[in-house]
């Protein structure tokens, strides 16, 4: 089965750091910066244990999909209410 269409994006930078966990330890994290075809720029953080091309793609497209939906707001197209994630 083919993937659903996603917004086009380009990775612009990657940074690797050590960050604290909520349990008092530390873990390695990749921060991947990207820009969408619409010009929106953002980043996703991925634990190094999950740092694969597919996981990065899925995280970016999930955020980019939401960014595109917000970009389309204009005051007349009121979206339906949602339960918070």
N, C-alpha and C. Protein backbone atom coordinates (compact mmCIF):
# COMPACT_ATOMS: atom_id res chain seq x y z
N UNK A 1 0.85 -1.18 0.00
CA UNK A 1 0.00 0.00 0.00
C UNK A 1 0.89 1.24 0.00
N UNK A 2 0.59 2.22 -0.80
CA UNK A 2 1.39 3.44 -0.90
C UNK A 2 1.12 4.36 0.29
N UNK A 3 2.13 5.13 0.62
CA UNK A 3 1.98 6.12 1.68
C UNK A 3 1.01 7.21 1.23
N UNK A 4 0.34 7.85 2.19
CA UNK A 4 -0.49 9.01 1.88
C UNK A 4 0.42 10.15 1.45
N UNK A 5 -0.11 11.07 0.66
CA UNK A 5 0.67 12.23 0.24
C UNK A 5 0.99 13.10 1.45
N UNK A 6 2.19 13.60 1.50
CA UNK A 6 2.64 14.47 2.59
C UNK A 6 3.18 15.76 2.00
N UNK A 7 3.23 16.81 2.81
CA UNK A 7 3.86 18.03 2.34
C UNK A 7 5.33 17.77 2.00
N UNK A 8 5.83 18.47 1.00
CA UNK A 8 7.24 18.38 0.64
C UNK A 8 8.05 19.17 1.67
N UNK A 9 9.21 18.63 2.03
CA UNK A 9 10.08 19.30 2.99
C UNK A 9 11.53 19.02 2.63
N UNK A 10 12.42 19.80 3.19
CA UNK A 10 13.85 19.55 3.05
C UNK A 10 14.51 19.67 4.41
N UNK A 11 15.39 18.75 4.71
CA UNK A 11 16.16 18.82 5.97
C UNK A 11 17.24 19.88 5.77
N UNK A 12 17.32 20.82 6.72
CA UNK A 12 18.28 21.91 6.60
C UNK A 12 19.44 21.80 7.57
N UNK A 13 19.27 21.06 8.67
CA UNK A 13 20.35 20.89 9.64
C UNK A 13 20.00 19.76 10.59
N UNK A 14 21.05 19.20 11.19
CA UNK A 14 20.87 18.18 12.21
C UNK A 14 21.87 18.48 13.33
N UNK A 15 21.39 18.35 14.57
CA UNK A 15 22.24 18.57 15.74
C UNK A 15 22.04 17.41 16.69
N UNK A 16 23.12 16.99 17.32
CA UNK A 16 23.08 15.85 18.24
C UNK A 16 23.55 16.31 19.60
N UNK A 17 22.71 16.06 20.63
CA UNK A 17 23.01 16.52 21.97
C UNK A 17 22.63 15.46 22.99
N UNK A 18 23.06 15.70 24.22
CA UNK A 18 22.65 14.90 25.35
C UNK A 18 21.70 15.74 26.18
N UNK A 19 20.53 15.19 26.49
CA UNK A 19 19.52 15.92 27.27
C UNK A 19 19.08 15.09 28.46
N UNK A 20 18.62 15.76 29.53
CA UNK A 20 18.12 15.02 30.68
C UNK A 20 16.80 14.32 30.37
N UNK A 21 16.60 13.20 31.00
CA UNK A 21 15.32 12.50 30.91
C UNK A 21 14.48 12.88 32.11
N UNK A 22 13.23 12.53 32.10
CA UNK A 22 12.35 12.81 33.23
C UNK A 22 12.64 11.94 34.43
N UNK A 23 13.49 10.92 34.26
CA UNK A 23 13.80 10.00 35.35
C UNK A 23 15.15 10.28 36.00
N UNK A 24 15.75 11.42 35.69
CA UNK A 24 17.01 11.80 36.32
C UNK A 24 18.24 11.34 35.57
N UNK A 25 18.08 10.70 34.43
CA UNK A 25 19.23 10.27 33.63
C UNK A 25 19.42 11.18 32.44
N UNK A 26 20.16 10.68 31.46
CA UNK A 26 20.43 11.44 30.25
C UNK A 26 20.27 10.52 29.04
N UNK A 27 19.94 11.11 27.90
CA UNK A 27 19.88 10.35 26.65
C UNK A 27 20.31 11.23 25.49
N UNK A 28 20.78 10.57 24.43
CA UNK A 28 21.21 11.26 23.23
C UNK A 28 19.98 11.60 22.38
N UNK A 29 19.96 12.81 21.81
CA UNK A 29 18.82 13.29 21.03
C UNK A 29 19.32 13.92 19.74
N UNK A 30 18.63 13.63 18.66
CA UNK A 30 18.89 14.30 17.38
C UNK A 30 17.81 15.35 17.17
N UNK A 31 18.21 16.57 16.88
CA UNK A 31 17.28 17.64 16.52
C UNK A 31 17.44 17.87 15.03
N UNK A 32 16.37 17.62 14.28
CA UNK A 32 16.42 17.72 12.83
C UNK A 32 15.58 18.92 12.40
N UNK A 33 16.24 19.90 11.80
CA UNK A 33 15.59 21.12 11.32
C UNK A 33 15.14 20.89 9.88
N UNK A 34 13.98 21.49 9.53
CA UNK A 34 13.47 21.32 8.18
C UNK A 34 12.70 22.56 7.74
N UNK A 35 12.49 22.66 6.44
CA UNK A 35 11.67 23.73 5.85
C UNK A 35 10.69 23.06 4.89
N UNK A 36 9.43 23.50 4.92
CA UNK A 36 8.42 22.96 4.02
C UNK A 36 8.42 23.74 2.71
N UNK A 37 7.74 23.19 1.72
CA UNK A 37 7.62 23.88 0.43
C UNK A 37 6.92 25.22 0.59
N UNK A 38 6.09 25.36 1.63
CA UNK A 38 5.40 26.64 1.89
C UNK A 38 6.30 27.66 2.57
N UNK A 39 7.51 27.24 2.97
CA UNK A 39 8.44 28.15 3.61
C UNK A 39 8.43 28.11 5.13
N UNK A 40 7.57 27.27 5.71
CA UNK A 40 7.56 27.14 7.17
C UNK A 40 8.80 26.38 7.61
N UNK A 41 9.42 26.85 8.70
CA UNK A 41 10.61 26.21 9.24
C UNK A 41 10.32 25.73 10.65
N UNK A 42 10.83 24.56 10.99
CA UNK A 42 10.67 24.04 12.34
C UNK A 42 11.70 22.94 12.57
N UNK A 43 11.52 22.18 13.63
CA UNK A 43 12.41 21.07 13.92
C UNK A 43 11.65 20.00 14.70
N UNK A 44 12.18 18.79 14.67
CA UNK A 44 11.68 17.69 15.48
C UNK A 44 12.84 17.14 16.28
N UNK A 45 12.53 16.61 17.46
CA UNK A 45 13.55 15.96 18.29
C UNK A 45 13.26 14.47 18.32
N UNK A 46 14.28 13.69 18.06
CA UNK A 46 14.16 12.23 18.00
C UNK A 46 15.21 11.62 18.92
N UNK A 47 14.81 10.76 19.86
CA UNK A 47 15.83 10.06 20.65
C UNK A 47 16.71 9.23 19.72
N UNK A 48 18.00 9.15 20.00
CA UNK A 48 18.91 8.40 19.14
C UNK A 48 18.51 6.94 19.01
N UNK A 49 17.81 6.41 20.01
CA UNK A 49 17.34 5.02 19.92
C UNK A 49 16.30 4.85 18.82
N UNK A 50 15.70 5.96 18.37
CA UNK A 50 14.67 5.92 17.34
C UNK A 50 15.08 6.69 16.08
N UNK A 51 16.34 7.10 16.00
CA UNK A 51 16.84 7.92 14.89
C UNK A 51 17.09 7.05 13.66
N UNK A 52 16.05 6.96 12.82
CA UNK A 52 16.14 6.27 11.54
C UNK A 52 15.52 7.18 10.49
N UNK A 53 15.86 7.00 9.23
CA UNK A 53 15.25 7.84 8.20
C UNK A 53 13.72 7.80 8.24
N UNK A 54 13.12 6.64 8.43
CA UNK A 54 11.66 6.53 8.43
C UNK A 54 11.05 7.26 9.63
N UNK A 55 11.64 7.09 10.83
CA UNK A 55 11.09 7.76 12.01
C UNK A 55 11.22 9.28 11.89
N UNK A 56 12.33 9.76 11.34
CA UNK A 56 12.49 11.21 11.13
C UNK A 56 11.46 11.69 10.11
N UNK A 57 11.30 10.97 9.02
CA UNK A 57 10.30 11.33 8.00
C UNK A 57 8.91 11.40 8.62
N UNK A 58 8.53 10.37 9.38
CA UNK A 58 7.20 10.34 9.98
C UNK A 58 6.98 11.50 10.94
N UNK A 59 7.99 11.83 11.74
CA UNK A 59 7.86 12.94 12.68
C UNK A 59 7.73 14.27 11.93
N UNK A 60 8.55 14.46 10.91
CA UNK A 60 8.49 15.72 10.15
C UNK A 60 7.15 15.84 9.43
N UNK A 61 6.70 14.79 8.76
CA UNK A 61 5.46 14.91 8.00
C UNK A 61 4.26 15.08 8.92
N UNK A 62 4.29 14.49 10.10
CA UNK A 62 3.20 14.69 11.04
C UNK A 62 3.10 16.16 11.44
N UNK A 63 4.23 16.76 11.76
CA UNK A 63 4.24 18.18 12.13
C UNK A 63 3.92 19.05 10.92
N UNK A 64 4.49 18.73 9.76
CA UNK A 64 4.25 19.53 8.56
C UNK A 64 2.78 19.49 8.15
N UNK A 65 2.13 18.34 8.30
CA UNK A 65 0.69 18.25 8.01
C UNK A 65 -0.10 19.23 8.87
N UNK A 66 0.23 19.28 10.16
CA UNK A 66 -0.47 20.20 11.06
C UNK A 66 -0.14 21.65 10.74
N UNK A 67 1.11 21.91 10.37
CA UNK A 67 1.50 23.28 10.01
C UNK A 67 0.73 23.74 8.77
N UNK A 68 0.57 22.87 7.79
CA UNK A 68 -0.17 23.22 6.57
C UNK A 68 -1.64 23.47 6.88
N UNK A 69 -2.22 22.68 7.80
CA UNK A 69 -3.62 22.88 8.18
C UNK A 69 -3.80 24.24 8.86
N UNK A 70 -2.87 24.62 9.71
CA UNK A 70 -2.95 25.92 10.37
C UNK A 70 -2.72 27.04 9.35
N UNK A 71 -1.80 26.82 8.42
CA UNK A 71 -1.52 27.82 7.38
C UNK A 71 -2.78 28.14 6.57
N UNK A 72 -3.66 27.16 6.39
CA UNK A 72 -4.86 27.37 5.57
C UNK A 72 -5.97 28.12 6.30
N UNK A 73 -5.81 28.38 7.59
CA UNK A 73 -6.84 29.12 8.33
C UNK A 73 -6.92 30.56 7.82
N UNK A 74 -8.15 31.06 7.71
CA UNK A 74 -8.32 32.44 7.26
C UNK A 74 -9.49 33.13 7.95
N UNK A 75 -10.04 32.52 8.96
CA UNK A 75 -11.14 33.13 9.69
C UNK A 75 -12.51 32.73 9.19
N UNK A 76 -12.59 32.25 7.96
CA UNK A 76 -13.89 31.82 7.43
C UNK A 76 -14.03 30.31 7.40
N UNK A 77 -12.93 29.61 7.43
CA UNK A 77 -12.96 28.15 7.40
C UNK A 77 -12.70 27.59 8.80
N UNK A 78 -13.67 27.75 9.69
CA UNK A 78 -13.51 27.34 11.08
C UNK A 78 -13.44 25.82 11.15
N UNK A 79 -12.33 25.28 11.68
CA UNK A 79 -12.21 23.83 11.75
C UNK A 79 -13.09 23.26 12.87
N UNK A 80 -13.48 21.99 12.75
CA UNK A 80 -14.28 21.38 13.81
C UNK A 80 -13.47 21.25 15.08
N UNK A 81 -14.16 21.18 16.21
CA UNK A 81 -13.47 20.97 17.49
C UNK A 81 -12.84 19.60 17.52
N UNK A 82 -11.70 19.51 18.21
CA UNK A 82 -10.97 18.25 18.34
C UNK A 82 -10.69 17.98 19.80
N UNK A 83 -10.51 16.72 20.12
CA UNK A 83 -10.00 16.37 21.44
C UNK A 83 -8.51 16.61 21.44
N UNK A 84 -7.97 17.21 22.51
CA UNK A 84 -6.52 17.42 22.53
C UNK A 84 -5.78 16.09 22.50
N UNK A 85 -4.65 16.07 21.83
CA UNK A 85 -3.85 14.84 21.73
C UNK A 85 -3.11 14.57 23.02
